[in-house]
């Protein structure tokens, strides 16, 4: 690192040695939506030196209530490009790799050939999420996965735990089922909320990109999930 002045407050908290650990780390964040965009920003602002971000989507007006790259002026633009520009403005020395693709099952194996220090799963559709988790598990990569943030309002109920201990989360239930079918019962760290989702807020979608339905969302809840995911990553990398 040549310019560390912007990280002076971080160094006060965690020390120079831990700051160097973050600088040497390579973190993958998949999904630049309401959860992943905040996770990526917080990981960048902590001083991680190399990041890969993945998202094939563009900004939709409905994203503006919760996603960092979504503004009235960015409709139709690539979320990955927008977040890439934002991260580089935070840390011009960041070694950043931007993948403007949806996580399709066929690309996961190739993506995970890179020896990432940590993988953040912020995918909001079942099949790609399951495929990424399963592949990371098989490669023994450190991973933390976000469960459902939709249909919920209370950020104080979030937990970091093993996926086998999740409850009251329909999204986690579906992922658990697919993992069990693949012979994986535990060993996946997740962020989840046991708050009962508001079933009246659910809507059907066109089924594109493996997503058939979605819950209503509030501005701060996905961001809180993203902050919690980033805390798992940073505390692991500095061994706290």
C-alpha atoms as a PDB file:
ATOM      1  CA  UNK A   1       0.000   0.000   0.000  1.00  0.00           C
ATOM      2  CA  UNK A   2       1.325   3.428  -0.904  1.00  0.00           C
ATOM      3  CA  UNK A   3      -1.561   5.603   0.334  1.00  0.00           C
ATOM      4  CA  UNK A   4      -2.766   4.554   3.785  1.00  0.00           C
ATOM      5  CA  UNK A   5      -3.936   7.918   5.105  1.00  0.00           C
ATOM      6  CA  UNK A   6      -7.552   7.144   4.241  1.00  0.00           C
ATOM      7  CA  UNK A   7      -7.297   3.989   6.400  1.00  0.00           C
ATOM      8  CA  UNK A   8      -5.834   5.743   9.452  1.00  0.00           C
ATOM      9  CA  UNK A   9      -8.997   5.244  11.520  1.00  0.00           C
ATOM     10  CA  UNK A  10      -9.116   1.570  10.552  1.00  0.00           C
ATOM     11  CA  UNK A  11      -5.470   1.155  11.554  1.00  0.00           C
ATOM     12  CA  UNK A  12      -6.227   2.725  14.931  1.00  0.00           C
ATOM     13  CA  UNK A  13      -8.791  -0.003  15.535  1.00  0.00           C
ATOM     14  CA  UNK A  14      -7.148  -3.136  14.115  1.00  0.00           C
ATOM     15  CA  UNK A  15      -3.445  -2.238  13.882  1.00  0.00           C
ATOM     16  CA  UNK A  16      -0.977  -2.051  10.993  1.00  0.00           C
ATOM     17  CA  UNK A  17      -0.334  -5.799  10.821  1.00  0.00           C
ATOM     18  CA  UNK A  18      -4.018  -6.578  10.363  1.00  0.00           C
ATOM     19  CA  UNK A  19      -4.337  -3.795   7.816  1.00  0.00           C
ATOM     20  CA  UNK A  20      -1.592  -5.517   5.826  1.00  0.00           C
ATOM     21  CA  UNK A  21      -3.507  -8.819   6.036  1.00  0.00           C
ATOM     22  CA  UNK A  22      -6.530  -7.126   4.497  1.00  0.00           C
ATOM     23  CA  UNK A  23      -4.383  -5.529   1.805  1.00  0.00           C
ATOM     24  CA  UNK A  24      -3.060  -8.972   0.780  1.00  0.00           C
ATOM     25  CA  UNK A  25      -6.513 -10.605   0.682  1.00  0.00           C
ATOM     26  CA  UNK A  26      -8.630 -11.353  -2.399  1.00  0.00           C
ATOM     27  CA  UNK A  27     -12.393 -11.407  -1.790  1.00  0.00           C
ATOM     28  CA  UNK A  28     -15.103 -12.470  -4.235  1.00  0.00           C
ATOM     29  CA  UNK A  29     -18.545 -10.861  -3.939  1.00  0.00           C
ATOM     30  CA  UNK A  30     -21.267 -12.363  -6.124  1.00  0.00           C
ATOM     31  CA  UNK A  31     -24.384 -10.241  -6.602  1.00  0.00           C
ATOM     32  CA  UNK A  32     -24.445  -6.430  -6.599  1.00  0.00           C
ATOM     33  CA  UNK A  33     -28.025  -6.007  -5.398  1.00  0.00           C
ATOM     34  CA  UNK A  34     -29.280  -4.651  -2.102  1.00  0.00           C
ATOM     35  CA  UNK A  35     -27.162  -7.046  -0.045  1.00  0.00           C
ATOM     36  CA  UNK A  36     -24.075  -7.532  -2.188  1.00  0.00           C
ATOM     37  CA  UNK A  37     -23.512  -3.906  -3.142  1.00  0.00           C
ATOM     38  CA  UNK A  38     -23.252  -2.875   0.502  1.00  0.00           C
ATOM     39  CA  UNK A  39     -21.115  -5.909   1.366  1.00  0.00           C
ATOM     40  CA  UNK A  40     -18.705  -5.048  -1.449  1.00  0.00           C
ATOM     41  CA  UNK A  41     -18.471  -1.401  -0.412  1.00  0.00           C
ATOM     42  CA  UNK A  42     -17.824  -2.197   3.249  1.00  0.00           C
ATOM     43  CA  UNK A  43     -15.170  -4.777   2.323  1.00  0.00           C
ATOM     44  CA  UNK A  44     -13.483  -2.226   0.062  1.00  0.00           C
ATOM     45  CA  UNK A  45     -13.636   0.507   2.711  1.00  0.00           C
ATOM     46  CA  UNK A  46     -11.998  -1.870   5.221  1.00  0.00           C
ATOM     47  CA  UNK A  47      -8.892  -1.973   3.016  1.00  0.00           C
ATOM     48  CA  UNK A  48      -9.074  -5.335   1.234  1.00  0.00           C
ATOM     49  CA  UNK A  49      -6.536  -5.068  -1.561  1.00  0.00           C
ATOM     50  CA  UNK A  50      -8.041  -7.277  -4.261  1.00  0.00           C
ATOM     51  CA  UNK A  51     -11.683  -7.891  -5.090  1.00  0.00           C
ATOM     52  CA  UNK A  52     -13.709  -9.650  -7.752  1.00  0.00           C
ATOM     53  CA  UNK A  53     -17.322  -8.549  -8.154  1.00  0.00           C
ATOM     54  CA  UNK A  54     -19.895 -10.388 -10.248  1.00  0.00           C
ATOM     55  CA  UNK A  55     -23.299  -9.295 -11.559  1.00  0.00           C
ATOM     56  CA  UNK A  56     -24.909  -9.437 -14.994  1.00  0.00           C
ATOM     57  CA  UNK A  57     -27.903  -7.245 -14.228  1.00  0.00           C
ATOM     58  CA  UNK A  58     -28.690  -3.607 -15.002  1.00  0.00           C
ATOM     59  CA  UNK A  59     -30.334  -1.063 -12.727  1.00  0.00           C
ATOM     60  CA  UNK A  60     -34.128  -1.132 -12.683  1.00  0.00           C
ATOM     61  CA  UNK A  61     -36.217   1.700 -11.175  1.00  0.00           C
ATOM     62  CA  UNK A  62     -37.490  -0.721  -8.510  1.00  0.00           C
ATOM     63  CA  UNK A  63     -33.897  -1.160  -7.274  1.00  0.00           C
ATOM     64  CA  UNK A  64     -33.630   2.404  -6.020  1.00  0.00           C
ATOM     65  CA  UNK A  65     -35.194   1.677  -2.641  1.00  0.00           C
ATOM     66  CA  UNK A  66     -32.263  -0.506  -1.514  1.00  0.00           C
ATOM     67  CA  UNK A  67     -29.290  -0.861  -3.904  1.00  0.00           C
ATOM     68  CA  UNK A  68     -26.151   1.301  -3.875  1.00  0.00           C
ATOM     69  CA  UNK A  69     -25.708   1.586  -7.662  1.00  0.00           C
ATOM     70  CA  UNK A  70     -29.391   2.387  -8.239  1.00  0.00           C
ATOM     71  CA  UNK A  71     -30.059   6.105  -8.777  1.00  0.00           C
ATOM     72  CA  UNK A  72     -32.546   8.039 -10.875  1.00  0.00           C
ATOM     73  CA  UNK A  73     -29.627   8.708 -13.228  1.00  0.00           C
ATOM     74  CA  UNK A  74     -28.393   5.093 -13.590  1.00  0.00           C
ATOM     75  CA  UNK A  75     -31.440   3.211 -14.890  1.00  0.00           C
ATOM     76  CA  UNK A  76     -30.412   0.624 -17.478  1.00  0.00           C
ATOM     77  CA  UNK A  77     -26.719   0.739 -16.596  1.00  0.00           C
ATOM     78  CA  UNK A  78     -24.637  -2.260 -15.503  1.00  0.00           C
ATOM     79  CA  UNK A  79     -24.631  -2.762 -11.733  1.00  0.00           C
ATOM     80  CA  UNK A  80     -21.183  -4.354 -11.913  1.00  0.00           C
ATOM     81  CA  UNK A  81     -19.742  -1.403 -13.844  1.00  0.00           C
ATOM     82  CA  UNK A  82     -21.343   1.143 -11.514  1.00  0.00           C
ATOM     83  CA  UNK A  83     -20.076  -0.647  -8.420  1.00  0.00           C
ATOM     84  CA  UNK A  84     -16.665  -1.088  -9.996  1.00  0.00           C
ATOM     85  CA  UNK A  85     -16.397   2.657 -10.586  1.00  0.00           C
ATOM     86  CA  UNK A  86     -17.565   3.351  -7.045  1.00  0.00           C
ATOM     87  CA  UNK A  87     -15.074   0.958  -5.455  1.00  0.00           C
ATOM     88  CA  UNK A  88     -12.203   2.427  -7.462  1.00  0.00           C
ATOM     89  CA  UNK A  89     -13.222   5.913  -6.344  1.00  0.00           C
ATOM     90  CA  UNK A  90     -13.043   4.697  -2.740  1.00  0.00           C
ATOM     91  CA  UNK A  91      -9.663   3.029  -3.227  1.00  0.00           C
ATOM     92  CA  UNK A  92      -7.843   3.897  -6.492  1.00  0.00           C
ATOM     93  CA  UNK A  93      -5.193   1.294  -5.622  1.00  0.00           C
ATOM     94  CA  UNK A  94      -7.719  -1.555  -5.412  1.00  0.00           C
ATOM     95  CA  UNK A  95      -6.891  -4.525  -7.663  1.00  0.00           C
ATOM     96  CA  UNK A  96     -10.419  -4.973  -8.993  1.00  0.00           C
ATOM     97  CA  UNK A  97     -11.849  -7.593 -11.358  1.00  0.00           C
ATOM     98  CA  UNK A  98     -15.353  -6.940 -12.708  1.00  0.00           C
ATOM     99  CA  UNK A  99     -17.366  -9.833 -14.142  1.00  0.00           C
ATOM    100  CA  UNK A 100     -20.479  -8.579 -15.950  1.00  0.00           C
ATOM    101  CA  UNK A 101     -22.285 -11.900 -16.109  1.00  0.00           C
ATOM    102  CA  UNK A 102     -25.120 -13.621 -14.322  1.00  0.00           C
ATOM    103  CA  UNK A 103     -23.885 -16.548 -12.244  1.00  0.00           C
ATOM    104  CA  UNK A 104     -25.009 -19.444 -14.396  1.00  0.00           C
ATOM    105  CA  UNK A 105     -24.284 -22.968 -13.125  1.00  0.00           C
ATOM    106  CA  UNK A 106     -21.843 -23.601 -15.973  1.00  0.00           C
ATOM    107  CA  UNK A 107     -19.516 -20.699 -15.098  1.00  0.00           C
ATOM    108  CA  UNK A 108     -19.159 -21.348 -11.360  1.00  0.00           C
ATOM    109  CA  UNK A 109     -16.412 -23.945 -11.582  1.00  0.00           C
ATOM    110  CA  UNK A 110     -14.214 -21.699 -13.703  1.00  0.00           C
ATOM    111  CA  UNK A 111     -14.857 -18.677 -11.493  1.00  0.00           C
ATOM    112  CA  UNK A 112     -13.812 -20.551  -8.358  1.00  0.00           C
ATOM    113  CA  UNK A 113     -10.528 -21.731  -9.867  1.00  0.00           C
ATOM    114  CA  UNK A 114      -9.113 -18.486  -8.445  1.00  0.00           C
ATOM    115  CA  UNK A 115      -7.846 -19.094  -4.877  1.00  0.00           C
ATOM    116  CA  UNK A 116     -10.033 -16.505  -3.158  1.00  0.00           C
ATOM    117  CA  UNK A 117      -9.443 -15.832   0.526  1.00  0.00           C
ATOM    118  CA  UNK A 118     -13.197 -15.472   1.041  1.00  0.00           C
ATOM    119  CA  UNK A 119     -16.363 -15.800  -1.024  1.00  0.00           C
ATOM    120  CA  UNK A 120     -19.439 -13.673  -0.320  1.00  0.00           C
ATOM    121  CA  UNK A 121     -22.653 -15.094  -1.742  1.00  0.00           C
ATOM    122  CA  UNK A 122     -25.306 -12.400  -2.202  1.00  0.00           C
ATOM    123  CA  UNK A 123     -27.248 -14.184  -4.950  1.00  0.00           C
ATOM    124  CA  UNK A 124     -31.013 -13.970  -4.699  1.00  0.00           C
ATOM    125  CA  UNK A 125     -32.048 -16.924  -6.889  1.00  0.00           C
ATOM    126  CA  UNK A 126     -32.019 -20.554  -5.798  1.00  0.00           C
ATOM    127  CA  UNK A 127     -30.202 -22.548  -8.490  1.00  0.00           C
ATOM    128  CA  UNK A 128     -27.182 -20.247  -9.014  1.00  0.00           C
ATOM    129  CA  UNK A 129     -26.887 -19.770  -5.248  1.00  0.00           C
ATOM    130  CA  UNK A 130     -26.930 -23.494  -4.565  1.00  0.00           C
ATOM    131  CA  UNK A 131     -24.409 -24.112  -7.343  1.00  0.00           C
ATOM    132  CA  UNK A 132     -21.982 -21.513  -5.972  1.00  0.00           C
ATOM    133  CA  UNK A 133     -22.284 -22.765  -2.388  1.00  0.00           C
ATOM    134  CA  UNK A 134     -21.834 -26.402  -3.424  1.00  0.00           C
ATOM    135  CA  UNK A 135     -18.771 -25.626  -5.566  1.00  0.00           C
ATOM    136  CA  UNK A 136     -17.145 -23.462  -2.883  1.00  0.00           C
ATOM    137  CA  UNK A 137     -17.783 -26.200  -0.310  1.00  0.00           C
ATOM    138  CA  UNK A 138     -16.181 -28.805  -2.580  1.00  0.00           C
ATOM    139  CA  UNK A 139     -13.111 -26.595  -3.023  1.00  0.00           C
ATOM    140  CA  UNK A 140     -12.946 -25.890   0.738  1.00  0.00           C
ATOM    141  CA  UNK A 141     -13.194 -22.147   0.134  1.00  0.00           C
ATOM    142  CA  UNK A 142     -14.268 -19.902   2.984  1.00  0.00           C
ATOM    143  CA  UNK A 143     -17.774 -18.665   2.242  1.00  0.00           C
ATOM    144  CA  UNK A 144     -20.558 -16.718   3.885  1.00  0.00           C
ATOM    145  CA  UNK A 145     -24.005 -16.699   2.303  1.00  0.00           C
ATOM    146  CA  UNK A 146     -26.938 -14.326   2.661  1.00  0.00           C
ATOM    147  CA  UNK A 147     -30.336 -15.870   3.172  1.00  0.00           C
ATOM    148  CA  UNK A 148     -33.617 -14.046   2.525  1.00  0.00           C
ATOM    149  CA  UNK A 149     -33.727 -10.312   3.270  1.00  0.00           C
ATOM    150  CA  UNK A 150     -37.105  -9.686   1.650  1.00  0.00           C
ATOM    151  CA  UNK A 151     -40.404  -9.346   3.460  1.00  0.00           C
ATOM    152  CA  UNK A 152     -38.700  -8.348   6.731  1.00  0.00           C
ATOM    153  CA  UNK A 153     -38.367  -5.126   8.722  1.00  0.00           C
ATOM    154  CA  UNK A 154     -36.385  -5.728  11.940  1.00  0.00           C
ATOM    155  CA  UNK A 155     -32.567  -5.559  11.500  1.00  0.00           C
ATOM    156  CA  UNK A 156     -31.936  -6.478  15.141  1.00  0.00           C
ATOM    157  CA  UNK A 157     -32.991 -10.077  14.483  1.00  0.00           C
ATOM    158  CA  UNK A 158     -30.136 -11.001  12.162  1.00  0.00           C
ATOM    159  CA  UNK A 159     -27.952 -13.987  13.098  1.00  0.00           C
ATOM    160  CA  UNK A 160     -24.681 -15.433  11.831  1.00  0.00           C
ATOM    161  CA  UNK A 161     -24.872 -19.204  12.094  1.00  0.00           C
ATOM    162  CA  UNK A 162     -24.627 -22.523  10.266  1.00  0.00           C
ATOM    163  CA  UNK A 163     -27.282 -23.089   7.630  1.00  0.00           C
ATOM    164  CA  UNK A 164     -28.489 -26.143   9.549  1.00  0.00           C
ATOM    165  CA  UNK A 165     -29.656 -23.809  12.326  1.00  0.00           C
ATOM    166  CA  UNK A 166     -31.777 -21.493  10.168  1.00  0.00           C
ATOM    167  CA  UNK A 167     -35.551 -21.260  10.622  1.00  0.00           C
ATOM    168  CA  UNK A 168     -38.523 -19.089   9.591  1.00  0.00           C
ATOM    169  CA  UNK A 169     -36.725 -18.319   6.317  1.00  0.00           C
ATOM    170  CA  UNK A 170     -38.337 -19.872   3.205  1.00  0.00           C
ATOM    171  CA  UNK A 171     -35.257 -19.022   1.127  1.00  0.00           C
ATOM    172  CA  UNK A 172     -32.936 -20.806   3.558  1.00  0.00           C
ATOM    173  CA  UNK A 173     -35.323 -23.758   3.657  1.00  0.00           C
ATOM    174  CA  UNK A 174     -35.049 -24.217  -0.104  1.00  0.00           C
ATOM    175  CA  UNK A 175     -31.257 -23.953  -0.035  1.00  0.00           C
ATOM    176  CA  UNK A 176     -31.053 -26.413   2.889  1.00  0.00           C
ATOM    177  CA  UNK A 177     -33.167 -28.899   0.965  1.00  0.00           C
ATOM    178  CA  UNK A 178     -30.993 -28.742  -2.153  1.00  0.00           C
ATOM    179  CA  UNK A 179     -27.806 -28.998  -0.087  1.00  0.00           C
ATOM    180  CA  UNK A 180     -29.119 -32.044   1.795  1.00  0.00           C
ATOM    181  CA  UNK A 181     -29.907 -33.677  -1.543  1.00  0.00           C
ATOM    182  CA  UNK A 182     -26.277 -33.054  -2.469  1.00  0.00           C
ATOM    183  CA  UNK A 183     -25.099 -34.617   0.806  1.00  0.00           C
ATOM    184  CA  UNK A 184     -24.304 -31.342   2.574  1.00  0.00           C
ATOM    185  CA  UNK A 185     -26.115 -30.965   5.905  1.00  0.00           C
ATOM    186  CA  UNK A 186     -23.950 -28.325   7.570  1.00  0.00           C
ATOM    187  CA  UNK A 187     -20.679 -26.435   7.278  1.00  0.00           C
ATOM    188  CA  UNK A 188     -22.122 -23.422   5.437  1.00  0.00           C
ATOM    189  CA  UNK A 189     -21.945 -20.095   7.322  1.00  0.00           C
ATOM    190  CA  UNK A 190     -24.933 -17.855   6.666  1.00  0.00           C
ATOM    191  CA  UNK A 191     -26.529 -14.583   7.669  1.00  0.00           C
ATOM    192  CA  UNK A 192     -30.258 -14.990   8.227  1.00  0.00           C
ATOM    193  CA  UNK A 193     -33.221 -13.488  10.031  1.00  0.00           C
ATOM    194  CA  UNK A 194     -35.806 -15.620  11.844  1.00  0.00           C
ATOM    195  CA  UNK A 195     -38.344 -12.815  11.462  1.00  0.00           C
ATOM    196  CA  UNK A 196     -41.446 -14.197   9.743  1.00  0.00           C
ATOM    197  CA  UNK A 197     -41.572 -12.725   6.218  1.00  0.00           C
ATOM    198  CA  UNK A 198     -44.671 -10.761   5.304  1.00  0.00           C
ATOM    199  CA  UNK A 199     -46.426 -13.180   2.946  1.00  0.00           C
ATOM    200  CA  UNK A 200     -48.681 -10.399   1.694  1.00  0.00           C
ATOM    201  CA  UNK A 201     -45.668  -8.664   0.164  1.00  0.00           C
ATOM    202  CA  UNK A 202     -44.719 -11.481  -2.213  1.00  0.00           C
ATOM    203  CA  UNK A 203     -45.057 -11.127  -5.971  1.00  0.00           C
ATOM    204  CA  UNK A 204     -44.501 -13.432  -8.916  1.00  0.00           C
ATOM    205  CA  UNK A 205     -41.831 -12.639 -11.494  1.00  0.00           C
ATOM    206  CA  UNK A 206     -41.286 -13.751 -15.089  1.00  0.00           C
ATOM    207  CA  UNK A 207     -38.964 -16.550 -13.956  1.00  0.00           C
ATOM    208  CA  UNK A 208     -35.884 -15.158 -15.695  1.00  0.00           C
ATOM    209  CA  UNK A 209     -32.472 -15.877 -14.174  1.00  0.00           C
ATOM    210  CA  UNK A 210     -33.919 -18.694 -12.049  1.00  0.00           C
ATOM    211  CA  UNK A 211     -36.102 -16.316 -10.054  1.00  0.00           C
ATOM    212  CA  UNK A 212     -39.848 -16.975  -9.884  1.00  0.00           C
ATOM    213  CA  UNK A 213     -40.929 -14.682  -7.044  1.00  0.00           C
ATOM    214  CA  UNK A 214     -39.787 -11.830  -4.812  1.00  0.00           C
ATOM    215  CA  UNK A 215     -40.794 -10.214  -1.528  1.00  0.00           C
ATOM    216  CA  UNK A 216     -41.206  -6.538  -0.865  1.00  0.00           C
ATOM    217  CA  UNK A 217     -38.167  -4.828   0.658  1.00  0.00           C
ATOM    218  CA  UNK A 218     -37.257  -1.857   2.828  1.00  0.00           C
ATOM    219  CA  UNK A 219     -34.190   0.353   2.376  1.00  0.00           C
ATOM    220  CA  UNK A 220     -32.110  -0.630   5.400  1.00  0.00           C
ATOM    221  CA  UNK A 221     -32.686  -4.386   5.758  1.00  0.00           C
ATOM    222  CA  UNK A 222     -30.613  -5.622   2.770  1.00  0.00           C
ATOM    223  CA  UNK A 223     -27.886  -3.130   3.716  1.00  0.00           C
ATOM    224  CA  UNK A 224     -27.786  -4.614   7.218  1.00  0.00           C
ATOM    225  CA  UNK A 225     -27.387  -8.077   5.711  1.00  0.00           C
ATOM    226  CA  UNK A 226     -24.522  -6.704   3.587  1.00  0.00           C
ATOM    227  CA  UNK A 227     -22.849  -5.116   6.602  1.00  0.00           C
ATOM    228  CA  UNK A 228     -23.096  -8.361   8.536  1.00  0.00           C
ATOM    229  CA  UNK A 229     -21.644 -10.385   5.661  1.00  0.00           C
ATOM    230  CA  UNK A 230     -18.716  -7.971   5.411  1.00  0.00           C
ATOM    231  CA  UNK A 231     -18.066  -8.207   9.144  1.00  0.00           C
ATOM    232  CA  UNK A 232     -17.780 -11.995   8.881  1.00  0.00           C
ATOM    233  CA  UNK A 233     -15.204 -11.612   6.107  1.00  0.00           C
ATOM    234  CA  UNK A 234     -13.115  -8.899   7.745  1.00  0.00           C
ATOM    235  CA  UNK A 235     -13.043 -10.516  11.192  1.00  0.00           C
ATOM    236  CA  UNK A 236     -11.941 -13.817   9.655  1.00  0.00           C
ATOM    237  CA  UNK A 237      -9.193 -12.196   7.579  1.00  0.00           C
ATOM    238  CA  UNK A 238      -7.717 -10.483  10.626  1.00  0.00           C
ATOM    239  CA  UNK A 239      -8.417 -13.526  12.806  1.00  0.00           C
ATOM    240  CA  UNK A 240     -10.724 -11.838  15.294  1.00  0.00           C
END
